Amino acid sequence: MTDYMAVDTDLPPYFPYPQFLMDMPLSHTAALTYALLLDRAHLSQLNGWTDEAGRVYLIFPVEKIAAALNRSLSSAKNALAELSAAGLIERKRRGQFLPNLIYVKLPDGQRIIPSQMDKGLSITGAENDLRNS
């Protein structure tokens, strides 16, 4: 049975879906992949996973991305290629048999507001966007 939400209802785990994705010509799978990668990048950020330049990275093998999305390996590879082409991620090859490092990028003017991210809210371009929504 499905229950209605109440004021004190705890929400199930979910990914924030950045609003700017709605304006981008991305496939549904690519947008969902970005939300997944953004969530993982936030965990990397909290754990201090940064490279020598101070950029946050994540390690997430394509096979595990496909499994997390419940999609085929080729769908996951296509989504990553689409995100790379859109400039939303960068993948850095490490070596044979090692998964790539993935850097999640934000479009100009967008940023993560950590306190909002922890509450599961989306990325915004300005604090006023949060106040006016």
C-alpha atoms as a PDB file:
ATOM      1  CA  MET A   1       0.000   0.000   0.000  1.00  0.00           C
ATOM      2  CA  THR A   2       1.199   3.523  -0.749  1.00  0.00           C
ATOM      3  CA  ASP A   3       0.971   6.189   1.937  1.00  0.00           C
ATOM      4  CA  TYR A   4       0.474   9.902   1.481  1.00  0.00           C
ATOM      5  CA  MET A   5       3.249  12.200   2.589  1.00  0.00           C
ATOM      6  CA  ALA A   6       2.748  14.085   5.829  1.00  0.00           C
ATOM      7  CA  VAL A   7       4.699  16.980   7.271  1.00  0.00           C
ATOM      8  CA  ASP A   8       6.868  14.600   9.311  1.00  0.00           C
ATOM      9  CA  THR A   9       7.309  11.896   6.657  1.00  0.00           C
ATOM     10  CA  ASP A  10      10.922  10.816   6.170  1.00  0.00           C
ATOM     11  CA  LEU A  11      11.844  10.741   2.489  1.00  0.00           C
ATOM     12  CA  PRO A  12      13.446   7.662   0.957  1.00  0.00           C
ATOM     13  CA  PRO A  13      16.997   8.020  -0.400  1.00  0.00           C
ATOM     14  CA  TYR A  14      17.041  10.013  -3.643  1.00  0.00           C
ATOM     15  CA  PHE A  15      19.373  11.902  -5.965  1.00  0.00           C
ATOM     16  CA  PRO A  16      19.194  15.652  -6.432  1.00  0.00           C
ATOM     17  CA  TYR A  17      18.354  16.451 -10.045  1.00  0.00           C
ATOM     18  CA  PRO A  18      20.058  19.696 -11.102  1.00  0.00           C
ATOM     19  CA  GLN A  19      17.574  22.061 -12.678  1.00  0.00           C
ATOM     20  CA  PHE A  20      19.977  23.094 -15.452  1.00  0.00           C
ATOM     21  CA  LEU A  21      19.742  19.554 -16.862  1.00  0.00           C
ATOM     22  CA  MET A  22      16.153  20.280 -17.881  1.00  0.00           C
ATOM     23  CA  ASP A  23      17.426  22.899 -20.334  1.00  0.00           C
ATOM     24  CA  MET A  24      20.141  20.716 -21.854  1.00  0.00           C
ATOM     25  CA  PRO A  25      19.666  18.474 -24.893  1.00  0.00           C
ATOM     26  CA  LEU A  26      20.636  15.287 -23.045  1.00  0.00           C
ATOM     27  CA  SER A  27      19.056  11.869 -23.136  1.00  0.00           C
ATOM     28  CA  HIS A  28      17.203  10.753 -20.028  1.00  0.00           C
ATOM     29  CA  THR A  29      19.919   8.182 -19.329  1.00  0.00           C
ATOM     30  CA  ALA A  30      22.688  10.788 -19.590  1.00  0.00           C
ATOM     31  CA  ALA A  31      20.864  13.177 -17.252  1.00  0.00           C
ATOM     32  CA  LEU A  32      20.223  10.387 -14.750  1.00  0.00           C
ATOM     33  CA  THR A  33      23.884   9.362 -15.008  1.00  0.00           C
ATOM     34  CA  TYR A  34      24.938  12.934 -14.254  1.00  0.00           C
ATOM     35  CA  ALA A  35      22.737  12.994 -11.124  1.00  0.00           C
ATOM     36  CA  LEU A  36      24.305   9.705 -10.024  1.00  0.00           C
ATOM     37  CA  LEU A  37      27.835  10.979 -10.678  1.00  0.00           C
ATOM     38  CA  LEU A  38      27.095  14.259  -8.899  1.00  0.00           C
ATOM     39  CA  ASP A  39      25.970  12.294  -5.844  1.00  0.00           C
ATOM     40  CA  ARG A  40      29.158  10.221  -5.931  1.00  0.00           C
ATOM     41  CA  ALA A  41      31.278  13.359  -6.449  1.00  0.00           C
ATOM     42  CA  HIS A  42      29.717  14.842  -3.335  1.00  0.00           C
ATOM     43  CA  LEU A  43      30.823  11.749  -1.389  1.00  0.00           C
ATOM     44  CA  SER A  44      34.325  12.128  -2.858  1.00  0.00           C
ATOM     45  CA  GLN A  45      34.269  15.775  -1.789  1.00  0.00           C
ATOM     46  CA  LEU A  46      33.316  14.819   1.772  1.00  0.00           C
ATOM     47  CA  ASN A  47      36.074  12.170   1.825  1.00  0.00           C
ATOM     48  CA  GLY A  48      38.728  14.545   0.453  1.00  0.00           C
ATOM     49  CA  TRP A  49      39.341  12.680  -2.816  1.00  0.00           C
ATOM     50  CA  THR A  50      41.207  15.344  -4.756  1.00  0.00           C
ATOM     51  CA  ASP A  51      44.016  15.298  -7.274  1.00  0.00           C
ATOM     52  CA  GLU A  52      47.227  17.341  -7.173  1.00  0.00           C
ATOM     53  CA  ALA A  53      45.343  20.372  -8.557  1.00  0.00           C
ATOM     54  CA  GLY A  54      42.693  20.163  -5.817  1.00  0.00           C
ATOM     55  CA  ARG A  55      39.955  18.896  -8.153  1.00  0.00           C
ATOM     56  CA  VAL A  56      37.484  16.379  -6.737  1.00  0.00           C
ATOM     57  CA  TYR A  57      37.403  13.079  -8.606  1.00  0.00           C
ATOM     58  CA  LEU A  58      35.537   9.825  -8.314  1.00  0.00           C
ATOM     59  CA  ILE A  59      36.278   6.268  -9.287  1.00  0.00           C
ATOM     60  CA  PHE A  60      33.199   4.514 -10.615  1.00  0.00           C
ATOM     61  CA  PRO A  61      33.768   1.716 -13.148  1.00  0.00           C
ATOM     62  CA  VAL A  62      31.415   1.739 -16.132  1.00  0.00           C
ATOM     63  CA  GLU A  63      30.115  -1.712 -15.196  1.00  0.00           C
ATOM     64  CA  LYS A  64      29.043  -0.415 -11.787  1.00  0.00           C
ATOM     65  CA  ILE A  65      27.461   2.699 -13.313  1.00  0.00           C
ATOM     66  CA  ALA A  66      25.422   0.452 -15.635  1.00  0.00           C
ATOM     67  CA  ALA A  67      24.342  -1.707 -12.692  1.00  0.00           C
ATOM     68  CA  ALA A  68      23.407   1.325 -10.563  1.00  0.00           C
ATOM     69  CA  LEU A  69      21.271   2.687 -13.401  1.00  0.00           C
ATOM     70  CA  ASN A  70      19.859  -0.726 -14.306  1.00  0.00           C
ATOM     71  CA  ARG A  71      21.032  -0.147 -17.887  1.00  0.00           C
ATOM     72  CA  SER A  72      23.255  -2.057 -20.279  1.00  0.00           C
ATOM     73  CA  LEU A  73      26.997  -1.487 -20.458  1.00  0.00           C
ATOM     74  CA  SER A  74      26.627   0.151 -23.865  1.00  0.00           C
ATOM     75  CA  SER A  75      23.920   2.517 -22.514  1.00  0.00           C
ATOM     76  CA  ALA A  76      26.208   3.557 -19.669  1.00  0.00           C
ATOM     77  CA  LYS A  77      29.124   4.099 -22.073  1.00  0.00           C
ATOM     78  CA  ASN A  78      26.896   6.166 -24.378  1.00  0.00           C
ATOM     79  CA  ALA A  79      25.667   8.277 -21.453  1.00  0.00           C
ATOM     80  CA  LEU A  80      29.237   8.958 -20.317  1.00  0.00           C
ATOM     81  CA  ALA A  81      30.233   9.897 -23.867  1.00  0.00           C
ATOM     82  CA  GLU A  82      27.219  12.223 -24.075  1.00  0.00           C
ATOM     83  CA  LEU A  83      28.158  13.890 -20.779  1.00  0.00           C
ATOM     84  CA  SER A  84      31.769  14.276 -21.939  1.00  0.00           C
ATOM     85  CA  ALA A  85      30.642  15.852 -25.198  1.00  0.00           C
ATOM     86  CA  ALA A  86      28.375  18.248 -23.267  1.00  0.00           C
ATOM     87  CA  GLY A  87      31.327  19.282 -21.086  1.00  0.00           C
ATOM     88  CA  LEU A  88      29.714  17.999 -17.893  1.00  0.00           C
ATOM     89  CA  ILE A  89      32.341  15.383 -17.048  1.00  0.00           C
ATOM     90  CA  GLU A  90      35.962  14.694 -17.831  1.00  0.00           C
ATOM     91  CA  ARG A  91      37.455  11.221 -17.722  1.00  0.00           C
ATOM     92  CA  LYS A  92      41.147  10.700 -17.107  1.00  0.00           C
ATOM     93  CA  ARG A  93      42.680   7.397 -18.130  1.00  0.00           C
ATOM     94  CA  ARG A  94      44.897   5.856 -15.491  1.00  0.00           C
ATOM     95  CA  GLY A  95      46.326   2.701 -16.937  1.00  0.00           C
ATOM     96  CA  GLN A  96      45.523  -0.732 -18.188  1.00  0.00           C
ATOM     97  CA  PHE A  97      42.907  -2.513 -16.078  1.00  0.00           C
ATOM     98  CA  LEU A  98      42.345   0.532 -13.849  1.00  0.00           C
ATOM     99  CA  PRO A  99      39.062   2.469 -13.974  1.00  0.00           C
ATOM    100  CA  ASN A 100      39.180   6.068 -15.167  1.00  0.00           C
ATOM    101  CA  LEU A 101      39.060   8.997 -12.800  1.00  0.00           C
ATOM    102  CA  ILE A 102      35.862  10.957 -13.398  1.00  0.00           C
ATOM    103  CA  TYR A 103      35.653  14.688 -12.765  1.00  0.00           C
ATOM    104  CA  VAL A 104      32.132  16.106 -12.556  1.00  0.00           C
ATOM    105  CA  LYS A 105      31.893  19.623 -13.921  1.00  0.00           C
ATOM    106  CA  LEU A 106      29.319  22.339 -13.366  1.00  0.00           C
ATOM    107  CA  PRO A 107      28.186  24.711 -16.134  1.00  0.00           C
ATOM    108  CA  ASP A 108      29.210  28.346 -15.737  1.00  0.00           C
ATOM    109  CA  GLY A 109      27.243  30.082 -13.013  1.00  0.00           C
ATOM    110  CA  GLN A 110      26.209  26.848 -11.307  1.00  0.00           C
ATOM    111  CA  ARG A 111      27.518  25.693  -7.970  1.00  0.00           C
ATOM    112  CA  ILE A 112      26.785  23.207  -5.267  1.00  0.00           C
ATOM    113  CA  ILE A 113      25.488  24.677  -2.055  1.00  0.00           C
ATOM    114  CA  PRO A 114      26.704  22.053   0.440  1.00  0.00           C
ATOM    115  CA  SER A 115      23.999  22.556   3.053  1.00  0.00           C
ATOM    116  CA  GLN A 116      21.343  22.219   0.358  1.00  0.00           C
ATOM    117  CA  MET A 117      23.083  19.234  -1.227  1.00  0.00           C
ATOM    118  CA  ASP A 118      23.025  17.442   2.120  1.00  0.00           C
ATOM    119  CA  LYS A 119      19.271  17.988   2.253  1.00  0.00           C
ATOM    120  CA  GLY A 120      18.882  16.555  -1.252  1.00  0.00           C
ATOM    121  CA  LEU A 121      18.106  19.816  -3.017  1.00  0.00           C
ATOM    122  CA  SER A 122      19.435  20.673  -6.428  1.00  0.00           C
ATOM    123  CA  ILE A 123      22.283  22.780  -7.698  1.00  0.00           C
ATOM    124  CA  THR A 124      21.502  26.443  -8.208  1.00  0.00           C
ATOM    125  CA  GLY A 125      23.093  29.354  -9.987  1.00  0.00           C
ATOM    126  CA  ALA A 126      22.315  31.845  -7.245  1.00  0.00           C
ATOM    127  CA  GLU A 127      21.048  31.826  -3.690  1.00  0.00           C
ATOM    128  CA  ASN A 128      18.083  33.932  -4.818  1.00  0.00           C
ATOM    129  CA  ASP A 129      16.887  30.989  -6.877  1.00  0.00           C
ATOM    130  CA  LEU A 130      16.376  29.070  -3.648  1.00  0.00           C
ATOM    131  CA  ARG A 131      14.603  31.959  -1.955  1.00  0.00           C
ATOM    132  CA  ASN A 132      12.281  32.583  -4.882  1.00  0.00           C
ATOM    133  CA  SER A 133      11.256  28.967  -5.519  1.00  0.00           C
END
